[in-house]
Amino acid sequence: MKIKLVAITPKAVMVIENAARTCYQSEPAGEVGELVRKLIKSGHHSVLEHAYCTFRINGCSRAMTHQLVRHRLMAISQQSQRYVKEDQFDFVIPPAIEDRHKDMFEGYMRLIQNMYNELKLRGIRNEDARFVLPNACQSEIVVSFNFREARHIFEVRCDKHAQWEIRAAAKEMLKILNEEAPSVFEDLAEIYLEK
């Protein structure tokens, strides 16, 4: 899986602080980010909605993207199985299967690939042939969300109880955003990222 930050609000922390200062009619004081840390601790997270980020995630499974799109407060563009032929689809193998059952799993993926290709040979359109494709099918997705939603995603998806693939994706996005805007994400990075 590859995760790339495509875009981020320029001077995101300053944008957030500017919005917060509007709420409180206050002037800048102290270092940039200090106010944001105070706001996060006090639970005033609405101002985080003024900063956005966009990520491209590829090489992930459709099982993972189905979990990610449940976070409705984001813009989503995903590789279409209706318009993109899957005549040679790649797939994700879960670690629990890779360790002991990789050959069997790969055999099933070849079988599914043959089923899909046979349907296509019989004139079935992509939109109907795709019904046999597995959640293991690799996909690509672009997601955009504000920093408040980012914090929510990280709190839910970086948790040890989250499914392994979305947890890995969330941790990587958290790592990237923490480098870009530490005052917004450093508290979560301390909890969820290995030191």
Protein backbone atom coordinates (compact mmCIF):
# COMPACT_ATOMS: atom_id res chain seq x y z
CA MET A 1 0.00 0.00 0.00
CA LYS A 2 1.26 3.47 -0.89
CA ILE A 3 -0.04 6.63 0.71
CA LYS A 4 0.78 10.08 -0.65
CA LEU A 5 -0.23 13.50 0.62
CA VAL A 6 -1.55 15.21 -2.51
CA ALA A 7 -2.55 18.55 -1.00
CA ILE A 8 -2.82 20.34 2.31
CA THR A 9 -4.10 23.77 3.27
CA PRO A 10 -1.11 26.13 3.03
CA LYS A 11 -0.10 27.42 6.47
CA ALA A 12 -2.82 25.22 7.95
CA VAL A 13 -2.06 25.98 11.59
CA MET A 14 -2.11 29.72 10.93
CA VAL A 15 -5.48 29.34 9.15
CA ILE A 16 -6.87 27.49 12.17
CA GLU A 17 -5.50 30.05 14.61
CA ASN A 18 -6.89 32.90 12.52
CA ALA A 19 -10.34 31.31 12.67
CA ALA A 20 -10.02 30.78 16.43
CA ARG A 21 -8.93 34.36 16.99
CA THR A 22 -12.07 35.46 15.17
CA CYS A 23 -14.14 33.52 17.70
CA TYR A 24 -12.37 35.09 20.65
CA GLN A 25 -11.52 38.45 19.04
CA SER A 26 -7.94 38.06 20.19
CA GLU A 27 -4.59 39.02 18.74
CA PRO A 28 -1.69 36.62 18.05
CA ALA A 29 0.49 35.94 21.08
CA GLY A 30 3.07 33.22 21.65
CA GLU A 31 4.38 30.73 19.13
CA VAL A 32 2.34 29.48 16.21
CA GLY A 33 0.52 26.32 17.26
CA GLU A 34 0.26 27.19 20.95
CA LEU A 35 -3.36 28.30 20.60
CA VAL A 36 -4.25 25.19 18.58
CA ARG A 37 -2.90 22.93 21.34
CA LYS A 38 -5.04 24.78 23.90
CA LEU A 39 -8.12 24.50 21.70
CA ILE A 40 -7.65 20.76 21.25
CA LYS A 41 -7.24 20.24 25.00
CA SER A 42 -10.37 22.29 25.70
CA GLY A 43 -12.46 20.42 23.11
CA HIS A 44 -12.94 23.40 20.78
CA HIS A 45 -12.38 21.40 17.59
CA SER A 46 -14.72 23.20 15.17
CA VAL A 47 -11.93 25.56 14.09
CA LEU A 48 -9.94 22.55 12.84
CA GLU A 49 -12.47 22.31 10.00
CA HIS A 50 -10.79 25.25 8.23
CA ALA A 51 -7.77 23.13 7.23
CA TYR A 52 -7.97 20.30 4.70
CA CYS A 53 -5.81 17.52 3.37
CA THR A 54 -6.02 15.17 0.40
CA PHE A 55 -4.43 11.72 0.25
CA ARG A 56 -4.02 9.21 -2.56
CA ILE A 57 -3.98 5.60 -1.36
CA ASN A 58 -3.18 2.84 -3.80
CA GLY A 59 -2.46 -0.85 -3.51
CA CYS A 60 -5.08 -1.23 -0.80
CA SER A 61 -7.95 -3.70 -0.80
CA ARG A 62 -11.54 -2.81 -1.52
CA ALA A 63 -12.27 -4.24 1.93
CA MET A 64 -10.20 -1.38 3.37
CA THR A 65 -11.76 1.28 1.16
CA HIS A 66 -15.23 0.11 2.20
CA GLN A 67 -14.26 0.86 5.79
CA LEU A 68 -12.73 4.22 4.93
CA VAL A 69 -15.74 5.50 3.00
CA ARG A 70 -17.89 5.05 6.11
CA HIS A 71 -16.33 8.32 7.26
CA ARG A 72 -18.87 10.42 5.40
CA LEU A 73 -17.35 13.82 6.12
CA MET A 74 -14.86 13.52 3.29
CA ALA A 75 -14.70 13.78 -0.47
CA ILE A 76 -14.01 10.42 -2.10
CA SER A 77 -12.90 9.38 -5.59
CA GLN A 78 -12.25 5.67 -6.07
CA GLN A 79 -11.05 3.53 -8.93
CA SER A 80 -14.15 2.28 -10.69
CA GLN A 81 -14.66 -1.41 -11.33
CA ARG A 82 -17.37 -0.40 -13.78
CA TYR A 83 -15.12 1.61 -16.08
CA VAL A 84 -11.76 -0.02 -15.38
CA LYS A 85 -11.25 -3.55 -16.64
CA GLU A 86 -10.09 -6.01 -14.01
CA ASP A 87 -8.79 -8.59 -16.48
CA GLN A 88 -5.52 -8.83 -14.50
CA PHE A 89 -6.44 -7.61 -11.02
CA ASP A 90 -3.92 -7.45 -8.22
CA PHE A 91 -5.02 -8.40 -4.73
CA VAL A 92 -4.10 -7.96 -1.09
CA ILE A 93 -3.34 -11.04 1.01
CA PRO A 94 -4.12 -10.64 4.71
CA PRO A 95 -1.13 -11.50 6.95
CA ALA A 96 -3.08 -14.28 8.70
CA ILE A 97 -3.59 -15.97 5.33
CA GLU A 98 -0.13 -15.18 3.93
CA ASP A 99 1.53 -17.01 6.80
CA ARG A 100 -0.17 -20.37 6.35
CA HIS A 101 -2.59 -20.40 3.41
CA LYS A 102 -1.02 -18.24 0.69
CA ASP A 103 -1.07 -20.93 -2.02
CA MET A 104 -4.73 -21.72 -1.44
CA PHE A 105 -5.66 -18.02 -1.43
CA GLU A 106 -3.75 -17.32 -4.63
CA GLY A 107 -5.52 -20.29 -6.24
CA TYR A 108 -8.89 -18.81 -5.35
CA MET A 109 -7.83 -15.44 -6.77
CA ARG A 110 -6.85 -17.14 -10.07
CA LEU A 111 -10.22 -18.90 -10.11
CA ILE A 112 -12.04 -15.60 -9.59
CA GLN A 113 -9.89 -13.97 -12.26
CA ASN A 114 -10.85 -16.74 -14.68
CA MET A 115 -14.54 -16.31 -13.78
CA TYR A 116 -14.35 -12.56 -14.44
CA ASN A 117 -12.49 -13.04 -17.72
CA GLU A 118 -14.97 -15.71 -18.86
CA LEU A 119 -17.89 -13.39 -18.16
CA LYS A 120 -16.18 -10.66 -20.19
CA LEU A 121 -15.59 -13.11 -23.08
CA ARG A 122 -19.32 -13.87 -23.03
CA GLY A 123 -20.08 -10.19 -23.57
CA ILE A 124 -20.93 -9.31 -19.98
CA ARG A 125 -20.21 -5.66 -19.25
CA ASN A 126 -17.75 -4.63 -16.51
CA GLU A 127 -20.59 -3.35 -14.34
CA ASP A 128 -22.02 -6.87 -14.11
CA ALA A 129 -18.84 -8.95 -14.36
CA ARG A 130 -17.44 -7.12 -11.33
CA PHE A 131 -19.95 -8.90 -9.09
CA VAL A 132 -17.59 -11.87 -8.85
CA LEU A 133 -14.59 -9.74 -7.78
CA PRO A 134 -13.36 -10.14 -4.20
CA ASN A 135 -12.84 -7.58 -1.48
CA ALA A 136 -9.15 -8.51 -1.78
CA CYS A 137 -9.02 -6.73 -5.16
CA GLN A 138 -6.51 -3.89 -5.04
CA SER A 139 -7.94 -0.43 -5.49
CA GLU A 140 -6.93 3.20 -5.53
CA ILE A 141 -8.75 5.97 -3.73
CA VAL A 142 -8.34 9.71 -3.18
CA VAL A 143 -9.84 11.16 -0.02
CA SER A 144 -10.06 14.76 1.17
CA PHE A 145 -11.13 15.74 4.65
CA ASN A 146 -10.73 18.50 7.18
CA PHE A 147 -8.44 18.24 10.19
CA ARG A 148 -11.31 17.71 12.62
CA GLU A 149 -12.46 14.66 10.65
CA ALA A 150 -8.81 13.54 10.39
CA ARG A 151 -8.55 13.47 14.17
CA HIS A 152 -11.77 11.44 14.37
CA ILE A 153 -10.53 8.96 11.75
CA PHE A 154 -7.21 8.55 13.58
CA GLU A 155 -8.89 8.06 16.96
CA VAL A 156 -11.08 5.28 15.54
CA ARG A 157 -8.82 3.68 12.93
CA CYS A 158 -5.40 3.82 14.66
CA ASP A 159 -6.82 1.97 17.64
CA LYS A 160 -5.50 -1.55 18.22
CA HIS A 161 -9.02 -2.93 17.67
CA ALA A 162 -9.21 -1.58 14.11
CA GLN A 163 -8.68 -3.96 11.19
CA TRP A 164 -4.96 -4.29 10.31
CA GLU A 165 -5.05 -2.68 6.84
CA ILE A 166 -7.04 0.44 7.71
CA ARG A 167 -5.00 0.79 10.90
CA ALA A 168 -1.79 0.82 8.82
CA ALA A 169 -3.27 3.40 6.43
CA ALA A 170 -4.51 5.63 9.26
CA LYS A 171 -1.17 5.49 11.05
CA GLU A 172 0.68 6.47 7.89
CA MET A 173 -1.67 9.41 7.28
CA LEU A 174 -1.28 10.45 10.93
CA LYS A 175 2.51 10.30 10.60
CA ILE A 176 2.40 12.52 7.51
CA LEU A 177 -0.01 15.06 9.00
CA ASN A 178 1.92 15.16 12.26
CA GLU A 179 4.99 16.21 10.26
CA GLU A 180 2.96 18.91 8.48
CA ALA A 181 0.95 20.23 11.45
CA PRO A 182 2.33 18.85 14.72
CA SER A 183 0.34 21.17 16.95
CA VAL A 184 -2.85 19.60 15.57
CA PHE A 185 -1.78 15.95 15.63
CA GLU A 186 1.10 15.46 18.08
CA ASP A 187 -1.14 14.27 20.91
CA LEU A 188 -2.53 11.50 18.71
CA ALA A 189 0.93 10.67 17.34
CA GLU A 190 2.15 10.14 20.92
CA ILE A 191 -0.64 7.62 21.49
CA TYR A 192 -0.68 5.74 18.19
CA LEU A 193 2.71 5.98 16.52
CA GLU A 194 5.73 3.95 17.52
CA LYS A 195 8.58 6.01 18.80
